[in-house]
Amino acid sequence: MPPPRGRACADVFTGWRAATARRFAAEGLESPDDLATFVFAAFEGALILSRTGHDTGPLHVTAGIVAETIRRRSRKAR
């Protein structure tokens, strides 16, 4: 069993991903659960790279690619 802090963090991320997936589903995006997981994983990775490298570049790159991915899926849904 994970420590209480680890469980609390996992619960928060699960809630955020679920809320994001619901929004994506409401917008008609395909694979909303997978897309929400991708978005959070991409930003978490970018955050680690930015913090350890003292450079916001990875966050900017990730934001652009995530936004383009969502735009493309949004166009397909219409």
N, C-alpha and C. Protein backbone atom coordinates (compact mmCIF):
# COMPACT_ATOMS: atom_id res chain seq x y z
N MET A 1 0.85 -1.18 0.00
CA MET A 1 0.00 0.00 0.00
C MET A 1 0.89 1.25 0.00
N PRO A 2 0.58 2.22 -0.89
CA PRO A 2 1.41 3.44 -0.94
C PRO A 2 1.23 4.26 0.33
N PRO A 3 2.25 5.05 0.67
CA PRO A 3 2.11 5.94 1.83
C PRO A 3 0.96 6.92 1.61
N PRO A 4 0.39 7.47 2.69
CA PRO A 4 -0.76 8.37 2.55
C PRO A 4 -0.51 9.54 1.59
N ARG A 5 0.68 10.12 1.63
CA ARG A 5 0.96 11.25 0.73
C ARG A 5 0.96 10.78 -0.72
N GLY A 6 1.54 9.62 -0.98
CA GLY A 6 1.54 9.07 -2.34
C GLY A 6 0.14 8.78 -2.83
N ARG A 7 -0.69 8.23 -1.95
CA ARG A 7 -2.08 7.93 -2.30
C ARG A 7 -2.83 9.23 -2.59
N ALA A 8 -2.60 10.24 -1.77
CA ALA A 8 -3.27 11.53 -1.97
C ALA A 8 -2.89 12.14 -3.31
N CYS A 9 -1.61 12.08 -3.65
CA CYS A 9 -1.15 12.61 -4.95
C CYS A 9 -1.77 11.83 -6.10
N ALA A 10 -1.80 10.51 -5.97
CA ALA A 10 -2.39 9.68 -7.02
C ALA A 10 -3.87 10.02 -7.20
N ASP A 11 -4.57 10.22 -6.09
CA ASP A 11 -5.99 10.56 -6.17
C ASP A 11 -6.20 11.90 -6.86
N VAL A 12 -5.35 12.87 -6.58
CA VAL A 12 -5.47 14.19 -7.21
C VAL A 12 -5.24 14.07 -8.72
N PHE A 13 -4.19 13.37 -9.12
CA PHE A 13 -3.92 13.21 -10.55
C PHE A 13 -5.04 12.45 -11.24
N THR A 14 -5.57 11.43 -10.58
CA THR A 14 -6.69 10.68 -11.15
C THR A 14 -7.89 11.59 -11.36
N GLY A 15 -8.17 12.44 -10.39
CA GLY A 15 -9.28 13.38 -10.52
C GLY A 15 -9.07 14.38 -11.64
N TRP A 16 -7.86 14.92 -11.73
CA TRP A 16 -7.56 15.87 -12.81
C TRP A 16 -7.69 15.23 -14.18
N ARG A 17 -7.13 14.02 -14.31
CA ARG A 17 -7.21 13.33 -15.60
C ARG A 17 -8.66 13.02 -15.96
N ALA A 18 -9.44 12.59 -14.98
CA ALA A 18 -10.85 12.27 -15.24
C ALA A 18 -11.62 13.52 -15.66
N ALA A 19 -11.39 14.64 -14.99
CA ALA A 19 -12.08 15.89 -15.34
C ALA A 19 -11.68 16.35 -16.75
N THR A 20 -10.41 16.22 -17.07
CA THR A 20 -9.93 16.60 -18.40
C THR A 20 -10.52 15.69 -19.46
N ALA A 21 -10.56 14.40 -19.18
CA ALA A 21 -11.14 13.44 -20.13
C ALA A 21 -12.63 13.73 -20.35
N ARG A 22 -13.34 14.07 -19.29
CA ARG A 22 -14.76 14.41 -19.45
C ARG A 22 -14.93 15.63 -20.35
N ARG A 23 -14.07 16.62 -20.18
CA ARG A 23 -14.14 17.82 -21.03
C ARG A 23 -13.85 17.46 -22.48
N PHE A 24 -12.80 16.65 -22.69
CA PHE A 24 -12.47 16.23 -24.05
C PHE A 24 -13.63 15.45 -24.67
N ALA A 25 -14.26 14.59 -23.88
CA ALA A 25 -15.40 13.81 -24.38
C ALA A 25 -16.57 14.74 -24.73
N ALA A 26 -16.82 15.74 -23.90
CA ALA A 26 -17.89 16.69 -24.16
C ALA A 26 -17.64 17.47 -25.45
N GLU A 27 -16.36 17.68 -25.78
CA GLU A 27 -16.00 18.37 -27.01
C GLU A 27 -15.99 17.44 -28.21
N GLY A 28 -16.24 16.14 -27.97
CA GLY A 28 -16.30 15.18 -29.06
C GLY A 28 -14.94 14.68 -29.53
N LEU A 29 -13.90 14.87 -28.73
CA LEU A 29 -12.57 14.41 -29.12
C LEU A 29 -12.47 12.90 -28.99
N GLU A 30 -11.75 12.27 -29.92
CA GLU A 30 -11.60 10.82 -29.87
C GLU A 30 -10.63 10.42 -28.77
N SER A 31 -10.86 9.26 -28.21
CA SER A 31 -10.02 8.69 -27.14
C SER A 31 -9.73 9.70 -26.03
N PRO A 32 -10.77 10.24 -25.41
CA PRO A 32 -10.56 11.30 -24.42
C PRO A 32 -9.72 10.87 -23.22
N ASP A 33 -9.86 9.63 -22.76
CA ASP A 33 -9.06 9.17 -21.62
C ASP A 33 -7.58 9.12 -21.99
N ASP A 34 -7.29 8.57 -23.17
CA ASP A 34 -5.90 8.50 -23.62
C ASP A 34 -5.32 9.89 -23.83
N LEU A 35 -6.11 10.78 -24.40
CA LEU A 35 -5.63 12.14 -24.64
C LEU A 35 -5.34 12.86 -23.32
N ALA A 36 -6.21 12.69 -22.34
CA ALA A 36 -5.98 13.32 -21.03
C ALA A 36 -4.71 12.77 -20.39
N THR A 37 -4.49 11.47 -20.48
CA THR A 37 -3.27 10.87 -19.93
C THR A 37 -2.05 11.44 -20.63
N PHE A 38 -2.12 11.55 -21.96
CA PHE A 38 -1.01 12.11 -22.74
C PHE A 38 -0.69 13.53 -22.30
N VAL A 39 -1.72 14.35 -22.15
CA VAL A 39 -1.52 15.76 -21.78
C VAL A 39 -0.82 15.86 -20.43
N PHE A 40 -1.29 15.13 -19.45
CA PHE A 40 -0.67 15.21 -18.12
C PHE A 40 0.74 14.63 -18.13
N ALA A 41 0.93 13.52 -18.82
CA ALA A 41 2.27 12.91 -18.87
C ALA A 41 3.25 13.84 -19.58
N ALA A 42 2.81 14.47 -20.67
CA ALA A 42 3.68 15.38 -21.41
C ALA A 42 4.09 16.57 -20.54
N PHE A 43 3.13 17.16 -19.85
CA PHE A 43 3.46 18.32 -19.03
C PHE A 43 4.28 17.95 -17.79
N GLU A 44 4.03 16.80 -17.22
CA GLU A 44 4.84 16.38 -16.07
C GLU A 44 6.29 16.17 -16.51
N GLY A 45 6.48 15.54 -17.66
CA GLY A 45 7.84 15.36 -18.18
C GLY A 45 8.50 16.69 -18.49
N ALA A 46 7.75 17.60 -19.10
CA ALA A 46 8.29 18.92 -19.42
C ALA A 46 8.64 19.69 -18.15
N LEU A 47 7.82 19.53 -17.13
CA LEU A 47 8.09 20.20 -15.86
C LEU A 47 9.40 19.70 -15.24
N ILE A 48 9.61 18.41 -15.27
CA ILE A 48 10.86 17.84 -14.74
C ILE A 48 12.06 18.37 -15.52
N LEU A 49 11.97 18.34 -16.85
CA LEU A 49 13.07 18.83 -17.68
C LEU A 49 13.34 20.32 -17.44
N SER A 50 12.27 21.09 -17.30
CA SER A 50 12.43 22.53 -17.08
C SER A 50 13.05 22.82 -15.72
N ARG A 51 12.60 22.12 -14.72
CA ARG A 51 13.15 22.35 -13.37
C ARG A 51 14.61 21.93 -13.28
N THR A 52 14.92 20.75 -13.78
CA THR A 52 16.30 20.27 -13.66
C THR A 52 17.25 21.04 -14.55
N GLY A 53 16.78 21.53 -15.69
CA GLY A 53 17.63 22.27 -16.60
C GLY A 53 17.57 23.77 -16.42
N HIS A 54 16.73 24.23 -15.48
CA HIS A 54 16.55 25.67 -15.25
C HIS A 54 16.26 26.39 -16.57
N ASP A 55 15.32 25.82 -17.32
CA ASP A 55 15.01 26.32 -18.66
C ASP A 55 13.53 26.04 -18.93
N THR A 56 12.79 27.06 -19.31
CA THR A 56 11.37 26.87 -19.59
C THR A 56 11.09 26.35 -21.00
N GLY A 57 12.14 26.17 -21.77
CA GLY A 57 11.98 25.70 -23.15
C GLY A 57 11.13 24.44 -23.28
N PRO A 58 11.39 23.40 -22.48
CA PRO A 58 10.58 22.18 -22.61
C PRO A 58 9.09 22.42 -22.37
N LEU A 59 8.76 23.33 -21.48
CA LEU A 59 7.34 23.64 -21.25
C LEU A 59 6.72 24.33 -22.46
N HIS A 60 7.45 25.25 -23.08
CA HIS A 60 6.94 25.94 -24.26
C HIS A 60 6.76 24.97 -25.43
N VAL A 61 7.73 24.11 -25.64
CA VAL A 61 7.64 23.13 -26.72
C VAL A 61 6.45 22.20 -26.49
N THR A 62 6.32 21.71 -25.27
CA THR A 62 5.23 20.80 -24.93
C THR A 62 3.88 21.48 -25.09
N ALA A 63 3.76 22.71 -24.64
CA ALA A 63 2.50 23.44 -24.77
C ALA A 63 2.08 23.54 -26.23
N GLY A 64 3.02 23.84 -27.10
CA GLY A 64 2.71 23.96 -28.52
C GLY A 64 2.26 22.65 -29.13
N ILE A 65 2.96 21.58 -28.80
CA ILE A 65 2.62 20.28 -29.38
C ILE A 65 1.30 19.75 -28.82
N VAL A 66 1.08 19.94 -27.53
CA VAL A 66 -0.19 19.51 -26.92
C VAL A 66 -1.35 20.30 -27.54
N ALA A 67 -1.19 21.60 -27.68
CA ALA A 67 -2.25 22.42 -28.28
C ALA A 67 -2.55 21.98 -29.71
N GLU A 68 -1.52 21.72 -30.49
CA GLU A 68 -1.72 21.28 -31.87
C GLU A 68 -2.40 19.91 -31.91
N THR A 69 -2.02 19.03 -31.03
CA THR A 69 -2.64 17.70 -30.98
C THR A 69 -4.13 17.82 -30.67
N ILE A 70 -4.48 18.66 -29.71
CA ILE A 70 -5.89 18.85 -29.36
C ILE A 70 -6.64 19.51 -30.51
N ARG A 71 -6.04 20.50 -31.16
CA ARG A 71 -6.69 21.14 -32.32
C ARG A 71 -6.98 20.13 -33.42
N ARG A 72 -6.01 19.28 -33.71
CA ARG A 72 -6.20 18.27 -34.77
C ARG A 72 -7.32 17.31 -34.40
N ARG A 73 -7.34 16.87 -33.18
CA ARG A 73 -8.41 15.94 -32.76
C ARG A 73 -9.76 16.65 -32.75
N SER A 74 -9.75 17.93 -32.45
CA SER A 74 -10.99 18.69 -32.45
C SER A 74 -11.54 18.82 -33.87
N ARG A 75 -10.66 19.04 -34.83
CA ARG A 75 -11.10 19.14 -36.23
C ARG A 75 -11.68 17.82 -36.71
N LYS A 76 -11.08 16.71 -36.30
CA LYS A 76 -11.58 15.39 -36.70
C LYS A 76 -12.96 15.12 -36.12
N ALA A 77 -13.22 15.68 -34.93
CA ALA A 77 -14.49 15.43 -34.25
C ALA A 77 -15.64 16.19 -34.89
N ARG A 78 -15.34 17.19 -35.67
CA ARG A 78 -16.42 18.02 -36.25
C ARG A 78 -16.85 17.54 -37.59
